[in-house]
Amino acid sequence: MLHARLLQYIDEVARLGSIRAAGARLHVAPSAINRQILMLEAELGQPLFERLPRGMRPTPAGEALLAHIRRTLQQYRETVADIRDLHALGSGEVAIATMTGLASGVVATAAATFRARHPRVRIAIRTMTTLEILRAVENSEADLGLGFNLPASTQIEVCWQLNTRLGVVVSPHHPLAQMDTVPLAQCTPYPLIFADRTMVIHGIVAEAFANAGLDVQPAFHTNSIETMKRLATSGEAIAFLSEFDVAEELRDGRLAFRQVRDAFSNNIVSLVRREKHGHGLAGFLLADEIMGVLRPGEPRPATDPALPNA
């Protein structure tokens, strides 16, 4: 990558149309700037500027290089500002809009780790429906959104996404916990726990039973993920949730998760933020913590602005 000073030399010469004017602006001898540009032109094998009687004008090759230079300088300035913000990361608040099960598991774990590193940053965790999450991020009421099957939006940038299937959630002592995968039909003899109709999960689960030709009457309906998990823990009842909904209970051995071999193919969990919006450093760092909890031990996309090698 080009040296940072050379980037500035070329940018200023192009802006001012003169090596002498660029030297005065940068407090550098014009001969030094000219020498650096000539060396780079020799290396590239073509001129970057037209030498005119009244100044300098970029050639097509120079224009292409300038586009790269200006992107690099802008990224560098933003990164320097973020690095300086690290020292002052004790102020402000990060808000995340998410769903109940994710809030109590993934988000709570990531937030606790983040808070331990940045103890003066406040974290707001708000549970919402799918559409409410989308609107909160679009309207900048939340810095981040985490949820299942979030609708596409031109205003939303996806930081991380995974197609994760719903599965059977049962007590570790449940007969179905002894199986590697569970046919949907084998769930019908047991008390079933359904999400109520206000939740996205209800439609996914009800449609799966209908498509399999299974007529079932759930023993429980609730709009609370916590209640579903408690009911599954206490006996033979079966809940239908994602691994992320029960992450803490799986680590503690309080619940078991088994995939259903013939249902629930599409259930996409997404971490999103506002597209083309001024993302605060705290938001970037919290997003990184969340991705670390979602996929532990795997490489994750960088959420911090990359440092250019200029």
C-alpha atoms as a PDB file:
ATOM      1  CA  MET A   1       0.000   0.000   0.000  1.00  0.00           C
ATOM      2  CA  LEU A   2       1.187   3.529  -0.761  1.00  0.00           C
ATOM      3  CA  HIS A   3       2.741   5.542   2.031  1.00  0.00           C
ATOM      4  CA  ALA A   4       0.300   7.889   3.787  1.00  0.00           C
ATOM      5  CA  ARG A   5       2.253  11.042   2.904  1.00  0.00           C
ATOM      6  CA  LEU A   6       2.306  10.188  -0.782  1.00  0.00           C
ATOM      7  CA  LEU A   7      -1.464   9.736  -0.679  1.00  0.00           C
ATOM      8  CA  GLN A   8      -1.795  13.246   0.716  1.00  0.00           C
ATOM      9  CA  TYR A   9       0.648  14.665  -1.849  1.00  0.00           C
ATOM     10  CA  ILE A  10      -1.326  13.297  -4.789  1.00  0.00           C
ATOM     11  CA  ASP A  11      -4.677  14.305  -3.297  1.00  0.00           C
ATOM     12  CA  GLU A  12      -3.564  17.904  -2.682  1.00  0.00           C
ATOM     13  CA  VAL A  13      -1.923  18.287  -6.106  1.00  0.00           C
ATOM     14  CA  ALA A  14      -5.161  17.089  -7.736  1.00  0.00           C
ATOM     15  CA  ARG A  15      -7.297  19.423  -5.603  1.00  0.00           C
ATOM     16  CA  LEU A  16      -5.131  22.507  -6.055  1.00  0.00           C
ATOM     17  CA  GLY A  17      -3.861  21.794  -9.576  1.00  0.00           C
ATOM     18  CA  SER A  18      -0.316  22.719  -8.608  1.00  0.00           C
ATOM     19  CA  ILE A  19       2.673  21.084  -6.965  1.00  0.00           C
ATOM     20  CA  ARG A  20       3.798  24.453  -5.610  1.00  0.00           C
ATOM     21  CA  ALA A  21       0.362  25.123  -4.020  1.00  0.00           C
ATOM     22  CA  ALA A  22       0.257  21.605  -2.579  1.00  0.00           C
ATOM     23  CA  GLY A  23       3.711  22.088  -1.074  1.00  0.00           C
ATOM     24  CA  ALA A  24       2.625  25.345   0.556  1.00  0.00           C
ATOM     25  CA  ARG A  25      -0.521  23.704   1.983  1.00  0.00           C
ATOM     26  CA  LEU A  26       1.394  20.700   3.347  1.00  0.00           C
ATOM     27  CA  HIS A  27       4.555  22.613   4.344  1.00  0.00           C
ATOM     28  CA  VAL A  28       6.662  20.353   2.113  1.00  0.00           C
ATOM     29  CA  ALA A  29       9.206  21.369  -0.524  1.00  0.00           C
ATOM     30  CA  PRO A  30       7.590  21.189  -4.005  1.00  0.00           C
ATOM     31  CA  SER A  31      10.658  19.334  -5.277  1.00  0.00           C
ATOM     32  CA  ALA A  32      10.044  16.546  -2.732  1.00  0.00           C
ATOM     33  CA  ILE A  33       6.414  16.158  -3.831  1.00  0.00           C
ATOM     34  CA  ASN A  34       7.402  16.177  -7.515  1.00  0.00           C
ATOM     35  CA  ARG A  35      10.100  13.549  -6.901  1.00  0.00           C
ATOM     36  CA  GLN A  36       7.654  11.210  -5.148  1.00  0.00           C
ATOM     37  CA  ILE A  37       5.084  11.535  -7.929  1.00  0.00           C
ATOM     38  CA  LEU A  38       7.712  10.914 -10.640  1.00  0.00           C
ATOM     39  CA  MET A  39       8.923   7.799  -8.811  1.00  0.00           C
ATOM     40  CA  LEU A  40       5.374   6.445  -8.585  1.00  0.00           C
ATOM     41  CA  GLU A  41       4.696   7.190 -12.257  1.00  0.00           C
ATOM     42  CA  ALA A  42       7.880   5.310 -13.169  1.00  0.00           C
ATOM     43  CA  GLU A  43       6.758   2.369 -11.032  1.00  0.00           C
ATOM     44  CA  LEU A  44       3.303   2.311 -12.635  1.00  0.00           C
ATOM     45  CA  GLY A  45       4.623   2.875 -16.133  1.00  0.00           C
ATOM     46  CA  GLN A  46       2.245   5.727 -16.970  1.00  0.00           C
ATOM     47  CA  PRO A  47       1.696   9.356 -16.024  1.00  0.00           C
ATOM     48  CA  LEU A  48      -0.720  10.299 -13.247  1.00  0.00           C
ATOM     49  CA  PHE A  49      -0.893  13.991 -14.168  1.00  0.00           C
ATOM     50  CA  GLU A  50      -0.836  16.063 -17.328  1.00  0.00           C
ATOM     51  CA  ARG A  51       1.732  18.842 -16.955  1.00  0.00           C
ATOM     52  CA  LEU A  52      -0.056  21.901 -18.353  1.00  0.00           C
ATOM     53  CA  PRO A  53       1.224  25.498 -18.713  1.00  0.00           C
ATOM     54  CA  ARG A  54      -1.066  26.581 -15.885  1.00  0.00           C
ATOM     55  CA  GLY A  55      -0.902  23.569 -13.601  1.00  0.00           C
ATOM     56  CA  MET A  56      -1.484  19.843 -13.213  1.00  0.00           C
ATOM     57  CA  ARG A  57      -4.514  17.773 -14.222  1.00  0.00           C
ATOM     58  CA  PRO A  58      -5.046  14.069 -13.404  1.00  0.00           C
ATOM     59  CA  THR A  59      -4.891  11.604 -16.287  1.00  0.00           C
ATOM     60  CA  PRO A  60      -7.446   8.740 -16.434  1.00  0.00           C
ATOM     61  CA  ALA A  61      -4.930   6.625 -14.508  1.00  0.00           C
ATOM     62  CA  GLY A  62      -4.581   9.453 -12.002  1.00  0.00           C
ATOM     63  CA  GLU A  63      -8.363   9.684 -11.568  1.00  0.00           C
ATOM     64  CA  ALA A  64      -8.552   5.945 -10.860  1.00  0.00           C
ATOM     65  CA  LEU A  65      -5.788   6.236  -8.282  1.00  0.00           C
ATOM     66  CA  LEU A  66      -7.419   9.310  -6.707  1.00  0.00           C
ATOM     67  CA  ALA A  67     -10.661   7.410  -6.129  1.00  0.00           C
ATOM     68  CA  HIS A  68      -8.695   4.798  -4.179  1.00  0.00           C
ATOM     69  CA  ILE A  69      -6.696   7.436  -2.309  1.00  0.00           C
ATOM     70  CA  ARG A  70      -9.748   9.374  -1.186  1.00  0.00           C
ATOM     71  CA  ARG A  71     -11.539   6.239   0.005  1.00  0.00           C
ATOM     72  CA  THR A  72      -8.430   5.217   1.922  1.00  0.00           C
ATOM     73  CA  LEU A  73      -7.945   8.639   3.512  1.00  0.00           C
ATOM     74  CA  GLN A  74     -11.596   8.792   4.543  1.00  0.00           C
ATOM     75  CA  GLN A  75     -11.427   5.318   6.107  1.00  0.00           C
ATOM     76  CA  TYR A  76      -8.230   6.324   7.878  1.00  0.00           C
ATOM     77  CA  ARG A  77      -9.811   9.493   9.317  1.00  0.00           C
ATOM     78  CA  GLU A  78     -12.848   7.525  10.516  1.00  0.00           C
ATOM     79  CA  THR A  79     -10.623   4.880  12.088  1.00  0.00           C
ATOM     80  CA  VAL A  80      -8.497   7.481  13.882  1.00  0.00           C
ATOM     81  CA  ALA A  81     -11.695   9.003  15.293  1.00  0.00           C
ATOM     82  CA  ASP A  82     -12.840   5.563  16.473  1.00  0.00           C
ATOM     83  CA  ILE A  83      -9.480   4.858  18.102  1.00  0.00           C
ATOM     84  CA  ARG A  84      -9.725   8.146  19.968  1.00  0.00           C
ATOM     85  CA  ASP A  85     -13.251   7.210  21.002  1.00  0.00           C
ATOM     86  CA  LEU A  86     -11.894   4.073  22.673  1.00  0.00           C
ATOM     87  CA  HIS A  87     -10.502   6.259  25.414  1.00  0.00           C
ATOM     88  CA  ALA A  88     -13.890   7.880  25.940  1.00  0.00           C
ATOM     89  CA  LEU A  89     -16.020   4.759  25.517  1.00  0.00           C
ATOM     90  CA  GLY A  90     -17.330   5.237  29.006  1.00  0.00           C
ATOM     91  CA  SER A  91     -20.214   7.431  27.969  1.00  0.00           C
ATOM     92  CA  GLY A  92     -23.437   6.921  26.071  1.00  0.00           C
ATOM     93  CA  GLU A  93     -25.840   4.063  25.528  1.00  0.00           C
ATOM     94  CA  VAL A  94     -26.204   1.191  23.086  1.00  0.00           C
ATOM     95  CA  ALA A  95     -29.742   0.006  22.339  1.00  0.00           C
ATOM     96  CA  ILE A  96     -30.586  -3.361  20.818  1.00  0.00           C
ATOM     97  CA  ALA A  97     -34.037  -4.498  19.728  1.00  0.00           C
ATOM     98  CA  THR A  98     -34.535  -8.256  19.865  1.00  0.00           C
ATOM     99  CA  MET A  99     -36.926 -11.102  20.649  1.00  0.00           C
ATOM    100  CA  THR A 100     -37.657 -12.558  24.070  1.00  0.00           C
ATOM    101  CA  GLY A 101     -35.707 -15.800  23.769  1.00  0.00           C
ATOM    102  CA  LEU A 102     -32.689 -14.124  22.205  1.00  0.00           C
ATOM    103  CA  ALA A 103     -32.783 -11.360  24.825  1.00  0.00           C
ATOM    104  CA  SER A 104     -32.523 -13.757  27.756  1.00  0.00           C
ATOM    105  CA  GLY A 105     -29.861 -15.927  26.140  1.00  0.00           C
ATOM    106  CA  VAL A 106     -27.578 -14.618  23.406  1.00  0.00           C
ATOM    107  CA  VAL A 107     -28.017 -10.883  24.037  1.00  0.00           C
ATOM    108  CA  ALA A 108     -27.787 -11.121  27.826  1.00  0.00           C
ATOM    109  CA  THR A 109     -24.554 -13.133  27.590  1.00  0.00           C
ATOM    110  CA  ALA A 110     -22.973 -10.747  25.069  1.00  0.00           C
ATOM    111  CA  ALA A 111     -24.136  -7.673  26.995  1.00  0.00           C
ATOM    112  CA  ALA A 112     -22.614  -8.942  30.251  1.00  0.00           C
ATOM    113  CA  THR A 113     -19.248  -9.549  28.562  1.00  0.00           C
ATOM    114  CA  PHE A 114     -19.366  -6.147  26.858  1.00  0.00           C
ATOM    115  CA  ARG A 115     -20.287  -4.381  30.120  1.00  0.00           C
ATOM    116  CA  ALA A 116     -17.389  -6.022  31.944  1.00  0.00           C
ATOM    117  CA  ARG A 117     -14.998  -4.495  29.397  1.00  0.00           C
ATOM    118  CA  HIS A 118     -16.740  -1.120  29.200  1.00  0.00           C
ATOM    119  CA  PRO A 119     -18.367  -0.694  32.619  1.00  0.00           C
ATOM    120  CA  ARG A 120     -19.645   2.853  32.103  1.00  0.00           C
ATOM    121  CA  VAL A 121     -21.567   2.177  28.878  1.00  0.00           C
ATOM    122  CA  ARG A 122     -25.300   1.679  29.370  1.00  0.00           C
ATOM    123  CA  ILE A 123     -26.999  -1.090  27.396  1.00  0.00           C
ATOM    124  CA  ALA A 124     -30.714  -1.012  26.598  1.00  0.00           C
ATOM    125  CA  ILE A 125     -32.227  -4.383  25.649  1.00  0.00           C
ATOM    126  CA  ARG A 126     -35.771  -4.117  24.300  1.00  0.00           C
ATOM    127  CA  THR A 127     -37.914  -7.086  23.322  1.00  0.00           C
ATOM    128  CA  MET A 128     -40.159  -6.573  20.314  1.00  0.00           C
ATOM    129  CA  THR A 129     -41.990  -8.326  17.507  1.00  0.00           C
ATOM    130  CA  THR A 130     -40.315  -8.880  14.139  1.00  0.00           C
ATOM    131  CA  LEU A 131     -41.792  -5.781  12.517  1.00  0.00           C
ATOM    132  CA  GLU A 132     -41.133  -3.657  15.609  1.00  0.00           C
ATOM    133  CA  ILE A 133     -37.436  -4.630  15.508  1.00  0.00           C
ATOM    134  CA  LEU A 134     -37.227  -3.597  11.870  1.00  0.00           C
ATOM    135  CA  ARG A 135     -38.916  -0.250  12.485  1.00  0.00           C
ATOM    136  CA  ALA A 136     -36.795   0.488  15.568  1.00  0.00           C
ATOM    137  CA  VAL A 137     -33.558   0.053  13.598  1.00  0.00           C
ATOM    138  CA  GLU A 138     -34.866   1.931  10.550  1.00  0.00           C
ATOM    139  CA  ASN A 139     -35.916   4.859  12.741  1.00  0.00           C
ATOM    140  CA  SER A 140     -32.621   4.828  14.703  1.00  0.00           C
ATOM    141  CA  GLU A 141     -34.482   4.016  17.920  1.00  0.00           C
ATOM    142  CA  ALA A 142     -32.154   1.011  18.257  1.00  0.00           C
ATOM    143  CA  ASP A 143     -28.509   0.736  17.222  1.00  0.00           C
ATOM    144  CA  LEU A 144     -28.792  -2.998  16.517  1.00  0.00           C
ATOM    145  CA  GLY A 145     -31.549  -5.489  15.811  1.00  0.00           C
ATOM    146  CA  LEU A 146     -31.431  -9.255  16.370  1.00  0.00           C
ATOM    147  CA  GLY A 147     -34.331 -11.480  15.392  1.00  0.00           C
ATOM    148  CA  PHE A 148     -35.706 -14.326  13.340  1.00  0.00           C
ATOM    149  CA  ASN A 149     -36.993 -13.902   9.784  1.00  0.00           C
ATOM    150  CA  LEU A 150     -36.591 -10.130   9.686  1.00  0.00           C
ATOM    151  CA  PRO A 151     -38.054  -8.684   6.461  1.00  0.00           C
ATOM    152  CA  ALA A 152     -35.633  -7.233   3.918  1.00  0.00           C
ATOM    153  CA  SER A 153     -35.227  -3.459   3.940  1.00  0.00           C
ATOM    154  CA  THR A 154     -33.164  -1.086   1.823  1.00  0.00           C
ATOM    155  CA  GLN A 155     -32.416   0.895   5.002  1.00  0.00           C
ATOM    156  CA  ILE A 156     -31.005  -2.100   6.884  1.00  0.00           C
ATOM    157  CA  GLU A 157     -27.497  -3.572   6.696  1.00  0.00           C
ATOM    158  CA  VAL A 158     -27.109  -7.236   7.656  1.00  0.00           C
ATOM    159  CA  CYS A 159     -24.039  -7.743   9.873  1.00  0.00           C
ATOM    160  CA  TRP A 160     -24.474 -11.496  10.337  1.00  0.00           C
ATOM    161  CA  GLN A 161     -27.043 -14.082   9.287  1.00  0.00           C
ATOM    162  CA  LEU A 162     -27.627 -17.812   9.635  1.00  0.00           C
ATOM    163  CA  ASN A 163     -30.384 -20.185   8.598  1.00  0.00           C
ATOM    164  CA  THR A 164     -31.033 -22.030  11.844  1.00  0.00           C
ATOM    165  CA  ARG A 165     -33.776 -24.617  12.140  1.00  0.00           C
ATOM    166  CA  LEU A 166     -36.287 -24.801  14.925  1.00  0.00           C
ATOM    167  CA  GLY A 167     -36.143 -28.038  16.849  1.00  0.00           C
ATOM    168  CA  VAL A 168     -37.632 -30.050  19.678  1.00  0.00           C
ATOM    169  CA  VAL A 169     -36.765 -28.687  23.128  1.00  0.00           C
ATOM    170  CA  VAL A 170     -37.286 -31.157  25.974  1.00  0.00           C
ATOM    171  CA  SER A 171     -36.015 -32.150  29.387  1.00  0.00           C
ATOM    172  CA  PRO A 172     -32.711 -34.124  29.207  1.00  0.00           C
ATOM    173  CA  HIS A 173     -34.641 -37.055  30.696  1.00  0.00           C
ATOM    174  CA  HIS A 174     -37.343 -36.998  28.023  1.00  0.00           C
ATOM    175  CA  PRO A 175     -37.534 -40.117  25.790  1.00  0.00           C
ATOM    176  CA  LEU A 176     -37.015 -37.976  22.665  1.00  0.00           C
ATOM    177  CA  ALA A 177     -33.764 -36.618  24.118  1.00  0.00           C
ATOM    178  CA  GLN A 178     -32.219 -40.043  23.491  1.00  0.00           C
ATOM    179  CA  MET A 179     -32.664 -39.642  19.697  1.00  0.00           C
ATOM    180  CA  ASP A 180     -30.271 -37.854  17.336  1.00  0.00           C
ATOM    181  CA  THR A 181     -33.099 -36.360  15.278  1.00  0.00           C
ATOM    182  CA  VAL A 182     -36.830 -36.554  15.880  1.00  0.00           C
ATOM    183  CA  PRO A 183     -39.587 -37.282  13.322  1.00  0.00           C
ATOM    184  CA  LEU A 184     -42.394 -34.758  13.787  1.00  0.00           C
ATOM    185  CA  ALA A 185     -44.962 -37.550  14.141  1.00  0.00           C
ATOM    186  CA  GLN A 186     -43.194 -38.867  17.248  1.00  0.00           C
ATOM    187  CA  CYS A 187     -43.944 -35.614  19.062  1.00  0.00           C
ATOM    188  CA  THR A 188     -47.716 -36.068  18.962  1.00  0.00           C
ATOM    189  CA  PRO A 189     -48.079 -38.458  21.958  1.00  0.00           C
ATOM    190  CA  TYR A 190     -46.611 -35.837  24.299  1.00  0.00           C
ATOM    191  CA  PRO A 191     -48.049 -32.548  25.614  1.00  0.00           C
ATOM    192  CA  LEU A 192     -47.143 -29.876  23.054  1.00  0.00           C
ATOM    193  CA  ILE A 193     -46.252 -26.276  23.880  1.00  0.00           C
ATOM    194  CA  PHE A 194     -47.184 -23.841  21.112  1.00  0.00           C
ATOM    195  CA  ALA A 195     -46.399 -20.152  20.877  1.00  0.00           C
ATOM    196  CA  ASP A 196     -49.606 -18.158  20.647  1.00  0.00           C
ATOM    197  CA  ARG A 197     -50.752 -16.577  17.406  1.00  0.00           C
ATOM    198  CA  THR A 198     -49.042 -13.251  18.087  1.00  0.00           C
ATOM    199  CA  MET A 199     -45.602 -14.886  17.655  1.00  0.00           C
ATOM    200  CA  VAL A 200     -43.821 -15.822  14.411  1.00  0.00           C
ATOM    201  CA  ILE A 201     -42.986 -19.277  15.791  1.00  0.00           C
ATOM    202  CA  HIS A 202     -46.678 -20.199  15.959  1.00  0.00           C
ATOM    203  CA  GLY A 203     -47.142 -20.033  12.204  1.00  0.00           C
ATOM    204  CA  ILE A 204     -43.953 -21.992  11.480  1.00  0.00           C
ATOM    205  CA  VAL A 205     -44.842 -24.819  13.890  1.00  0.00           C
ATOM    206  CA  ALA A 206     -48.547 -24.992  13.017  1.00  0.00           C
ATOM    207  CA  GLU A 207     -47.733 -25.080   9.291  1.00  0.00           C
ATOM    208  CA  ALA A 208     -45.229 -27.915   9.820  1.00  0.00           C
ATOM    209  CA  PHE A 209     -47.833 -30.106  11.550  1.00  0.00           C
ATOM    210  CA  ALA A 210     -50.443 -29.265   8.914  1.00  0.00           C
ATOM    211  CA  ASN A 211     -48.064 -30.096   6.046  1.00  0.00           C
ATOM    212  CA  ALA A 212     -47.287 -33.422   7.714  1.00  0.00           C
ATOM    213  CA  GLY A 213     -51.021 -34.207   7.944  1.00  0.00           C
ATOM    214  CA  LEU A 214     -50.904 -34.287  11.729  1.00  0.00           C
ATOM    215  CA  ASP A 215     -53.941 -32.948  13.587  1.00  0.00           C
ATOM    216  CA  VAL A 216     -52.768 -31.833  17.020  1.00  0.00           C
ATOM    217  CA  GLN A 217     -54.249 -29.981  19.981  1.00  0.00           C
ATOM    218  CA  PRO A 218     -51.466 -28.311  21.952  1.00  0.00           C
ATOM    219  CA  ALA A 219     -51.632 -28.654  25.710  1.00  0.00           C
ATOM    220  CA  PHE A 220     -50.198 -25.159  26.238  1.00  0.00           C
ATOM    221  CA  HIS A 221     -50.281 -21.823  24.436  1.00  0.00           C
ATOM    222  CA  THR A 222     -48.102 -18.915  25.575  1.00  0.00           C
ATOM    223  CA  ASN A 223     -46.449 -15.796  24.226  1.00  0.00           C
ATOM    224  CA  SER A 224     -43.528 -16.221  26.642  1.00  0.00           C
ATOM    225  CA  ILE A 225     -40.353 -18.044  25.597  1.00  0.00           C
ATOM    226  CA  GLU A 226     -39.388 -18.308  29.268  1.00  0.00           C
ATOM    227  CA  THR A 227     -42.677 -20.054  30.047  1.00  0.00           C
ATOM    228  CA  MET A 228     -42.143 -22.493  27.172  1.00  0.00           C
ATOM    229  CA  LYS A 229     -38.717 -23.384  28.517  1.00  0.00           C
ATOM    230  CA  ARG A 230     -39.984 -23.765  32.087  1.00  0.00           C
ATOM    231  CA  LEU A 231     -42.806 -26.079  30.955  1.00  0.00           C
ATOM    232  CA  ALA A 232     -40.382 -28.193  28.921  1.00  0.00           C
ATOM    233  CA  THR A 233     -37.995 -28.461  31.870  1.00  0.00           C
ATOM    234  CA  SER A 234     -40.669 -29.635  34.293  1.00  0.00           C
ATOM    235  CA  GLY A 235     -41.972 -32.768  32.592  1.00  0.00           C
ATOM    236  CA  GLU A 236     -42.762 -34.471  29.275  1.00  0.00           C
ATOM    237  CA  ALA A 237     -44.009 -31.382  27.436  1.00  0.00           C
ATOM    238  CA  ILE A 238     -42.306 -30.427  24.146  1.00  0.00           C
ATOM    239  CA  ALA A 239     -41.484 -26.890  23.020  1.00  0.00           C
ATOM    240  CA  PHE A 240     -40.385 -25.913  19.520  1.00  0.00           C
ATOM    241  CA  LEU A 241     -37.610 -23.327  19.640  1.00  0.00           C
ATOM    242  CA  SER A 242     -34.200 -22.560  18.156  1.00  0.00           C
ATOM    243  CA  GLU A 243     -30.863 -23.429  19.736  1.00  0.00           C
ATOM    244  CA  PHE A 244     -30.295 -19.714  20.343  1.00  0.00           C
ATOM    245  CA  ASP A 245     -33.501 -19.477  22.387  1.00  0.00           C
ATOM    246  CA  VAL A 246     -32.187 -22.103  24.810  1.00  0.00           C
ATOM    247  CA  ALA A 247     -28.446 -21.406  24.654  1.00  0.00           C
ATOM    248  CA  GLU A 248     -28.039 -20.940  28.407  1.00  0.00           C
ATOM    249  CA  GLU A 249     -30.165 -23.999  29.301  1.00  0.00           C
ATOM    250  CA  LEU A 250     -28.183 -26.155  26.859  1.00  0.00           C
ATOM    251  CA  ARG A 251     -24.892 -25.078  28.453  1.00  0.00           C
ATOM    252  CA  ASP A 252     -26.257 -25.838  31.923  1.00  0.00           C
ATOM    253  CA  GLY A 253     -27.763 -29.174  30.889  1.00  0.00           C
ATOM    254  CA  ARG A 254     -31.294 -28.125  31.910  1.00  0.00           C
ATOM    255  CA  LEU A 255     -32.758 -28.712  28.435  1.00  0.00           C
ATOM    256  CA  ALA A 256     -31.964 -30.781  25.364  1.00  0.00           C
ATOM    257  CA  PHE A 257     -32.360 -29.672  21.731  1.00  0.00           C
ATOM    258  CA  ARG A 258     -32.959 -32.118  18.900  1.00  0.00           C
ATOM    259  CA  GLN A 259     -33.505 -31.270  15.246  1.00  0.00           C
ATOM    260  CA  VAL A 260     -36.737 -32.361  13.598  1.00  0.00           C
ATOM    261  CA  ARG A 261     -35.733 -34.329  10.555  1.00  0.00           C
ATOM    262  CA  ASP A 262     -38.764 -33.529   8.382  1.00  0.00           C
ATOM    263  CA  ALA A 263     -39.708 -29.928   9.207  1.00  0.00           C
ATOM    264  CA  PHE A 264     -38.579 -26.375   9.989  1.00  0.00           C
ATOM    265  CA  SER A 265     -36.151 -25.801   7.113  1.00  0.00           C
ATOM    266  CA  ASN A 266     -36.150 -21.986   7.120  1.00  0.00           C
ATOM    267  CA  ASN A 267     -35.683 -19.920  10.263  1.00  0.00           C
ATOM    268  CA  ILE A 268     -33.136 -17.192   9.643  1.00  0.00           C
ATOM    269  CA  VAL A 269     -31.595 -15.290  12.553  1.00  0.00           C
ATOM    270  CA  SER A 270     -30.133 -11.917  11.559  1.00  0.00           C
ATOM    271  CA  LEU A 271     -28.098  -9.231  13.302  1.00  0.00           C
ATOM    272  CA  VAL A 272     -28.792  -5.897  11.595  1.00  0.00           C
ATOM    273  CA  ARG A 273     -28.072  -2.190  11.865  1.00  0.00           C
ATOM    274  CA  ARG A 274     -29.101   0.923   9.975  1.00  0.00           C
ATOM    275  CA  GLU A 275     -27.603   1.183   6.478  1.00  0.00           C
ATOM    276  CA  LYS A 276     -25.440   4.290   5.852  1.00  0.00           C
ATOM    277  CA  HIS A 277     -25.899   5.462   9.411  1.00  0.00           C
ATOM    278  CA  GLY A 278     -23.309   6.817  11.804  1.00  0.00           C
ATOM    279  CA  HIS A 279     -22.545   3.654  13.752  1.00  0.00           C
ATOM    280  CA  GLY A 280     -20.979   4.401  17.122  1.00  0.00           C
ATOM    281  CA  LEU A 281     -17.951   2.419  18.188  1.00  0.00           C
ATOM    282  CA  ALA A 282     -19.872   0.941  21.118  1.00  0.00           C
ATOM    283  CA  GLY A 283     -22.455  -0.434  18.680  1.00  0.00           C
ATOM    284  CA  PHE A 284     -19.717  -2.023  16.555  1.00  0.00           C
ATOM    285  CA  LEU A 285     -18.148  -3.652  19.611  1.00  0.00           C
ATOM    286  CA  LEU A 286     -21.449  -4.949  20.989  1.00  0.00           C
ATOM    287  CA  ALA A 287     -22.289  -6.418  17.569  1.00  0.00           C
ATOM    288  CA  ASP A 288     -18.961  -8.246  17.641  1.00  0.00           C
ATOM    289  CA  GLU A 289     -19.713  -9.639  21.108  1.00  0.00           C
ATOM    290  CA  ILE A 290     -23.121 -10.874  19.935  1.00  0.00           C
ATOM    291  CA  MET A 291     -21.606 -12.619  16.915  1.00  0.00           C
ATOM    292  CA  GLY A 292     -19.079 -14.272  19.190  1.00  0.00           C
ATOM    293  CA  VAL A 293     -21.907 -15.752  21.275  1.00  0.00           C
ATOM    294  CA  LEU A 294     -23.920 -16.800  18.222  1.00  0.00           C
ATOM    295  CA  ARG A 295     -21.022 -18.687  16.627  1.00  0.00           C
ATOM    296  CA  PRO A 296     -18.379 -19.411  19.285  1.00  0.00           C
ATOM    297  CA  GLY A 297     -15.013 -20.613  18.025  1.00  0.00           C
ATOM    298  CA  GLU A 298     -15.679 -19.629  14.404  1.00  0.00           C
ATOM    299  CA  PRO A 299     -14.218 -16.705  12.460  1.00  0.00           C
ATOM    300  CA  ARG A 300     -16.695 -13.821  12.427  1.00  0.00           C
ATOM    301  CA  PRO A 301     -17.137 -10.841  10.121  1.00  0.00           C
ATOM    302  CA  ALA A 302     -15.266  -7.742  11.250  1.00  0.00           C
ATOM    303  CA  THR A 303     -17.588  -5.107  12.600  1.00  0.00           C
ATOM    304  CA  ASP A 304     -14.874  -2.602  13.426  1.00  0.00           C
ATOM    305  CA  PRO A 305     -13.740  -0.338  10.582  1.00  0.00           C
ATOM    306  CA  ALA A 306     -10.624  -1.807   9.002  1.00  0.00           C
ATOM    307  CA  LEU A 307      -7.357   0.026   9.478  1.00  0.00           C
ATOM    308  CA  PRO A 308      -5.872   0.868   6.058  1.00  0.00           C
ATOM    309  CA  ASN A 309      -2.198   0.077   5.508  1.00  0.00           C
ATOM    310  CA  ALA A 310      -1.488   3.542   4.239  1.00  0.00           C
END
